[in-house]
Amino acid sequence: MDVAAKLASLIGQLNTVLVGKEAQVRDCVACLLAGGHLLIEDVPGVGKTTLAHALAHTFGLQFARVQFTADLMPGDLSGVAIYDRGRQAFEFHPGPIFSQVLLADEINRASPKTQSALLEAMEEKQVTIEGETRPLPTPFFVIATQNPQDQLGTFALPESQLDRFLMRISLGYPDRAAERALLAGADRREMLANLPALLNASELTALQQRVLQVHAAEPLLDYVQDLIAATRSGHWFLQGLSPRAGIAVVRAAKAQALLANRDYVAPDDVQAVMPQTVAHRLTPVGDAGRGAFEQVRAMLAAVPLP
């Protein structure tokens, strides 16, 4: 498998569906190559669900879409055991979580109880139902979309849930040229229906192994630790990054390096993925007038490069 050509074709196909969002598409591909879950946050109508569908189609994975609502129950995700009178036994009917990609649409419209049902699945790749542990398919990704928290009918995701997402991205409104292409172009639903799979599960596993083999030199790891220490200094954020968040940064940076056709991580890779990988885990200090994304970028500018 020609890795560079395969990755270029993946990104190229996704860019035909989501026009004018090359940086966000690259982040999404890096997130899935790193084996992480993805959170896409933005206002309705900018292409969050379209991007999630396009990722599942392009990666050639079996997927299920669940519209999260206030009355969605944990059993609606994981499945239920129903008594079969003929067999005189309970028969388990798996829910949509037993798919390789779960598209959790508008995840923050569900109650905290239902949101928490995803925790074990996202971290352990398994679910426990009525005392029995059931493994999930391999690979297993959650691609979730959420609306801004100030919109009606939303429940803020708890910190423990946010921490399970490797990356959080925002799409934003398209520029004028991209919006013109959307207005004049083909219907996105038709494009998704005809989107070919460019990978299969075994090829994706091979690419994820290539990500793990990307080299991170000692000075690079020193730089990552300097950044983590800066988040814990109390100058930028109320609470610093955990070791799990640091591991996530390195994994995401390795995937970014692979996308750049390199077998080593450069400081630019860390800087490219840092805001998307850690901003949702951090709360800015005081009245800086900046959101977490902007605060992370300011911190990146202040910490010396190796």
Protein backbone atom coordinates (compact mmCIF):
# COMPACT_ATOMS: atom_id res chain seq x y z
CA MET A 1 0.00 0.00 0.00
CA ASP A 2 1.40 3.38 -1.06
CA VAL A 3 0.61 5.23 2.17
CA ALA A 4 1.12 8.76 0.84
CA ALA A 5 -1.08 8.17 -2.22
CA LYS A 6 -3.78 6.45 -0.15
CA LEU A 7 -3.93 9.27 2.39
CA ALA A 8 -3.95 11.92 -0.35
CA SER A 9 -6.91 10.21 -2.04
CA LEU A 10 -8.75 9.96 1.29
CA ILE A 11 -8.37 13.66 2.01
CA GLY A 12 -9.13 14.59 -1.60
CA GLN A 13 -12.43 12.71 -1.56
CA LEU A 14 -13.50 14.27 1.73
CA ASN A 15 -12.67 17.74 0.40
CA THR A 16 -15.07 17.22 -2.50
CA VAL A 17 -17.91 16.76 0.00
CA LEU A 18 -16.96 19.42 2.55
CA VAL A 19 -15.81 22.32 0.43
CA GLY A 20 -13.31 24.87 1.74
CA LYS A 21 -12.52 23.09 5.03
CA GLU A 22 -9.18 21.44 4.21
CA ALA A 23 -7.66 22.02 7.66
CA GLN A 24 -10.66 20.53 9.48
CA VAL A 25 -10.76 17.53 7.13
CA ARG A 26 -7.08 16.89 7.80
CA ASP A 27 -7.71 17.02 11.55
CA CYS A 28 -10.55 14.51 11.25
CA VAL A 29 -8.42 12.04 9.28
CA ALA A 30 -5.55 12.45 11.77
CA CYS A 31 -7.94 11.80 14.66
CA LEU A 32 -9.24 8.52 13.21
CA LEU A 33 -5.76 7.37 12.16
CA ALA A 34 -4.67 7.94 15.76
CA GLY A 35 -7.52 5.70 16.92
CA GLY A 36 -9.37 8.49 18.69
CA HIS A 37 -12.96 9.63 18.96
CA LEU A 38 -13.98 12.89 17.28
CA LEU A 39 -16.26 15.70 18.47
CA ILE A 40 -17.50 18.23 15.90
CA GLU A 41 -19.02 21.31 17.54
CA ASP A 42 -20.80 24.10 15.68
CA VAL A 43 -24.14 25.71 14.90
CA PRO A 44 -26.69 23.65 12.92
CA GLY A 45 -26.41 23.56 9.15
CA VAL A 46 -22.67 23.97 8.55
CA GLY A 47 -21.97 20.36 7.59
CA LYS A 48 -21.23 18.49 10.85
CA THR A 49 -23.38 15.45 10.07
CA THR A 50 -22.34 15.49 6.41
CA LEU A 51 -18.68 15.34 7.42
CA ALA A 52 -19.36 12.48 9.85
CA HIS A 53 -21.17 10.49 7.15
CA ALA A 54 -18.40 11.19 4.63
CA LEU A 55 -15.73 9.95 7.06
CA ALA A 56 -17.58 6.68 7.71
CA HIS A 57 -18.18 6.09 3.97
CA THR A 58 -14.63 6.94 2.94
CA PHE A 59 -13.00 4.80 5.63
CA GLY A 60 -15.16 1.87 4.52
CA LEU A 61 -16.56 1.16 7.96
CA GLN A 62 -19.94 -0.17 9.03
CA PHE A 63 -21.75 2.62 10.78
CA ALA A 64 -24.94 3.57 12.56
CA ARG A 65 -26.40 7.01 13.14
CA VAL A 66 -28.28 7.88 16.31
CA GLN A 67 -30.14 11.17 16.72
CA PHE A 68 -29.61 12.08 20.37
CA THR A 69 -32.73 13.55 21.98
CA ALA A 70 -33.83 14.31 25.53
CA ASP A 71 -35.87 11.07 25.75
CA LEU A 72 -33.11 8.77 24.41
CA MET A 73 -32.36 6.04 26.94
CA PRO A 74 -29.09 4.10 27.46
CA GLY A 75 -30.78 0.91 26.26
CA ASP A 76 -31.59 2.62 22.97
CA LEU A 77 -27.83 2.74 22.38
CA SER A 78 -26.56 -0.51 23.83
CA GLY A 79 -29.51 -2.81 23.13
CA VAL A 80 -31.87 -4.86 25.28
CA ALA A 81 -32.49 -8.46 26.28
CA ILE A 82 -35.99 -9.63 25.33
CA TYR A 83 -37.59 -12.81 26.61
CA ASP A 84 -38.18 -15.39 23.86
CA ARG A 85 -41.09 -17.60 24.90
CA GLY A 86 -40.28 -20.27 22.32
CA ARG A 87 -36.74 -20.72 23.61
CA GLN A 88 -37.72 -19.84 27.18
CA ALA A 89 -34.67 -17.63 27.43
CA PHE A 90 -33.65 -14.02 27.10
CA GLU A 91 -32.26 -13.05 23.70
CA PHE A 92 -30.02 -10.02 23.37
CA HIS A 93 -30.85 -7.53 20.62
CA PRO A 94 -27.78 -5.33 20.04
CA GLY A 95 -28.22 -1.59 19.71
CA PRO A 96 -26.55 0.81 17.26
CA ILE A 97 -23.44 1.07 19.46
CA PHE A 98 -22.40 -2.33 18.04
CA SER A 99 -21.04 -0.73 14.86
CA GLN A 100 -17.56 0.30 13.77
CA VAL A 101 -18.57 3.96 13.61
CA LEU A 102 -21.30 5.41 15.79
CA LEU A 103 -22.49 8.77 14.51
CA ALA A 104 -23.82 10.42 17.67
CA ASP A 105 -25.74 13.34 16.18
CA GLU A 106 -26.33 16.31 18.52
CA ILE A 107 -24.91 14.36 21.44
CA ASN A 108 -25.51 17.20 23.90
CA ARG A 109 -29.29 17.07 23.38
CA ALA A 110 -29.42 13.77 25.30
CA SER A 111 -29.62 13.58 29.08
CA PRO A 112 -26.45 13.12 31.17
CA LYS A 113 -27.59 9.55 31.96
CA THR A 114 -27.53 8.62 28.28
CA GLN A 115 -24.29 10.50 27.65
CA SER A 116 -22.62 8.51 30.42
CA ALA A 117 -23.67 5.25 28.73
CA LEU A 118 -21.03 6.02 26.11
CA LEU A 119 -18.17 6.33 28.62
CA GLU A 120 -17.34 2.64 28.97
CA ALA A 121 -17.76 2.10 25.23
CA MET A 122 -15.41 4.93 24.29
CA GLU A 123 -12.70 4.04 26.79
CA GLU A 124 -12.86 0.24 27.06
CA LYS A 125 -14.34 -0.65 23.62
CA GLN A 126 -16.93 -2.78 25.40
CA VAL A 127 -20.33 -2.43 27.07
CA THR A 128 -21.74 -4.17 30.13
CA ILE A 129 -25.41 -5.05 29.84
CA GLU A 130 -27.25 -6.83 32.66
CA GLY A 131 -23.96 -7.99 34.15
CA GLU A 132 -22.51 -9.36 30.92
CA THR A 133 -19.60 -7.65 29.19
CA ARG A 134 -19.83 -7.56 25.40
CA PRO A 135 -16.92 -6.42 23.19
CA LEU A 136 -17.56 -3.84 20.49
CA PRO A 137 -16.45 -4.26 16.86
CA THR A 138 -12.91 -3.40 15.84
CA PRO A 139 -12.20 -0.64 15.02
CA PHE A 140 -14.72 1.36 17.05
CA PHE A 141 -15.06 5.11 16.69
CA VAL A 142 -17.53 7.63 18.02
CA ILE A 143 -17.94 10.62 15.74
CA ALA A 144 -20.19 12.99 17.67
CA THR A 145 -21.67 16.32 16.70
CA GLN A 146 -22.91 18.90 19.16
CA ASN A 147 -24.54 22.32 19.07
CA PRO A 148 -23.17 25.29 21.04
CA GLN A 149 -24.06 25.04 24.73
CA ASP A 150 -26.00 28.32 24.72
CA GLN A 151 -28.66 26.84 22.43
CA LEU A 152 -31.97 25.69 23.90
CA GLY A 153 -32.37 22.04 24.85
CA THR A 154 -28.69 21.19 25.29
CA PHE A 155 -26.91 19.50 28.22
CA ALA A 156 -23.23 20.29 28.69
CA LEU A 157 -21.02 17.23 28.27
CA PRO A 158 -19.29 16.35 31.57
CA GLU A 159 -15.51 16.66 31.74
CA SER A 160 -15.10 12.87 31.91
CA GLN A 161 -17.00 12.53 28.63
CA LEU A 162 -15.10 15.34 26.89
CA ASP A 163 -11.81 13.75 27.95
CA ARG A 164 -12.66 10.63 25.92
CA PHE A 165 -12.63 12.62 22.67
CA LEU A 166 -9.17 12.81 21.15
CA MET A 167 -10.11 15.95 19.21
CA ARG A 168 -12.79 18.59 19.10
CA ILE A 169 -13.07 20.67 15.96
CA SER A 170 -15.32 23.46 14.74
CA LEU A 171 -16.24 23.97 11.10
CA GLY A 172 -17.47 27.57 10.99
CA TYR A 173 -19.22 29.24 8.09
CA PRO A 174 -17.77 28.66 4.60
CA ASP A 175 -16.03 31.48 2.79
CA ARG A 176 -17.79 33.10 -0.18
CA ALA A 177 -16.17 30.89 -2.84
CA ALA A 178 -16.90 27.68 -0.94
CA GLU A 179 -20.49 28.72 -0.27
CA ARG A 180 -20.98 29.50 -3.96
CA ALA A 181 -19.73 25.99 -4.79
CA LEU A 182 -22.26 24.56 -2.34
CA LEU A 183 -25.11 26.65 -3.75
CA ALA A 184 -24.34 25.72 -7.35
CA GLY A 185 -23.12 22.16 -6.81
CA ALA A 186 -24.65 18.73 -6.37
CA ASP A 187 -26.85 17.79 -3.44
CA ARG A 188 -24.68 16.60 -0.54
CA ARG A 189 -26.98 13.64 0.20
CA GLU A 190 -26.59 12.36 -3.34
CA MET A 191 -22.82 12.76 -3.10
CA LEU A 192 -22.74 10.77 0.15
CA ALA A 193 -24.85 7.98 -1.36
CA ASN A 194 -22.35 7.59 -4.21
CA LEU A 195 -19.19 7.99 -2.14
CA PRO A 196 -16.89 4.97 -2.58
CA ALA A 197 -15.00 3.35 0.30
CA LEU A 198 -11.27 3.98 -0.14
CA LEU A 199 -10.18 1.82 2.82
CA ASN A 200 -11.25 -1.33 4.60
CA ALA A 201 -10.86 -2.29 8.25
CA SER A 202 -7.57 -4.17 7.74
CA GLU A 203 -6.02 -1.30 5.75
CA LEU A 204 -7.10 1.15 8.44
CA THR A 205 -5.51 -1.05 11.11
CA ALA A 206 -2.27 -1.10 9.07
CA LEU A 207 -2.30 2.71 8.85
CA GLN A 208 -2.87 3.00 12.58
CA GLN A 209 0.15 0.77 13.15
CA ARG A 210 2.17 3.08 10.89
CA VAL A 211 1.11 5.99 13.12
CA LEU A 212 2.48 4.18 16.17
CA GLN A 213 5.81 3.66 14.39
CA VAL A 214 6.31 7.38 13.73
CA HIS A 215 9.35 8.46 15.78
CA ALA A 216 9.10 11.08 18.51
CA ALA A 217 12.63 12.20 19.51
CA GLU A 218 13.61 13.08 23.07
CA PRO A 219 13.74 16.87 22.42
CA LEU A 220 10.24 16.66 20.92
CA LEU A 221 8.92 14.87 24.02
CA ASP A 222 10.65 17.53 26.16
CA TYR A 223 8.70 20.15 24.21
CA VAL A 224 5.41 18.33 24.80
CA GLN A 225 6.20 18.12 28.51
CA ASP A 226 7.00 21.85 28.57
CA LEU A 227 3.58 22.55 27.05
CA ILE A 228 1.86 20.28 29.55
CA ALA A 229 3.72 21.98 32.41
CA ALA A 230 2.59 25.37 31.08
CA THR A 231 -1.06 24.29 31.29
CA ARG A 232 -0.47 23.32 34.94
CA SER A 233 1.27 26.56 35.91
CA GLY A 234 -1.96 28.37 36.79
CA HIS A 235 -1.08 31.20 34.43
CA TRP A 236 -3.16 30.04 31.46
CA PHE A 237 -5.74 27.57 32.75
CA LEU A 238 -7.60 26.75 35.95
CA GLN A 239 -6.52 23.11 35.81
CA GLY A 240 -3.72 21.53 33.80
CA LEU A 241 -3.66 18.63 31.38
CA SER A 242 -3.64 15.04 32.61
CA PRO A 243 -1.06 12.47 31.47
CA ARG A 244 -3.81 10.95 29.27
CA ALA A 245 -4.16 14.29 27.49
CA GLY A 246 -0.39 14.38 26.93
CA ILE A 247 -0.49 10.92 25.36
CA ALA A 248 -3.33 12.13 23.14
CA VAL A 249 -1.23 15.06 21.92
CA VAL A 250 1.65 12.76 20.96
CA ARG A 251 -0.67 10.32 19.16
CA ALA A 252 -2.37 13.11 17.23
CA ALA A 253 0.99 14.66 16.32
CA LYS A 254 2.24 11.29 15.02
CA ALA A 255 -0.84 10.99 12.80
CA GLN A 256 -0.27 14.54 11.56
CA ALA A 257 3.35 13.63 10.70
CA LEU A 258 2.17 10.56 8.76
CA LEU A 259 -0.21 12.74 6.77
CA ALA A 260 2.80 14.94 5.94
CA ASN A 261 4.60 11.77 4.70
CA ARG A 262 7.21 11.88 7.46
CA ASP A 263 8.35 9.11 9.81
CA TYR A 264 9.18 11.52 12.64
CA VAL A 265 7.26 14.13 14.62
CA ALA A 266 8.24 17.78 14.22
CA PRO A 267 7.29 20.65 16.58
CA ASP A 268 5.01 21.94 13.81
CA ASP A 269 2.96 18.74 14.10
CA VAL A 270 2.46 19.31 17.82
CA GLN A 271 1.46 22.93 17.27
CA ALA A 272 -0.92 21.93 14.46
CA VAL A 273 -2.91 19.49 16.63
CA MET A 274 -2.56 21.01 20.11
CA PRO A 275 -5.61 23.36 20.16
CA GLN A 276 -7.98 20.74 18.73
CA THR A 277 -6.62 18.04 21.07
CA VAL A 278 -6.58 19.88 24.40
CA ALA A 279 -8.85 22.96 24.29
CA HIS A 280 -11.97 20.96 25.22
CA ARG A 281 -10.15 19.68 28.33
CA LEU A 282 -9.16 23.14 29.63
CA THR A 283 -10.81 26.20 31.17
CA PRO A 284 -9.02 29.56 30.68
CA VAL A 285 -7.96 31.56 33.72
CA GLY A 286 -9.77 34.76 34.66
CA ASP A 287 -11.10 37.35 32.26
CA ALA A 288 -8.59 36.88 29.47
CA GLY A 289 -11.34 37.57 26.95
CA ARG A 290 -10.28 34.48 25.02
CA GLY A 291 -11.82 31.06 24.62
CA ALA A 292 -9.88 27.89 25.30
CA PHE A 293 -8.77 27.55 21.65
CA GLU A 294 -7.32 31.07 21.58
CA GLN A 295 -5.72 30.60 24.99
CA VAL A 296 -3.97 27.42 23.82
CA ARG A 297 -2.64 29.26 20.77
CA ALA A 298 -1.35 32.08 22.97
CA MET A 299 0.36 29.54 25.20
CA LEU A 300 1.95 27.86 22.17
CA ALA A 301 3.40 31.21 21.12
CA ALA A 302 4.85 31.75 24.60
CA VAL A 303 6.52 28.37 25.17
CA PRO A 304 9.97 28.21 23.50
CA LEU A 305 10.50 25.72 20.69
CA PRO A 306 13.09 22.95 21.15
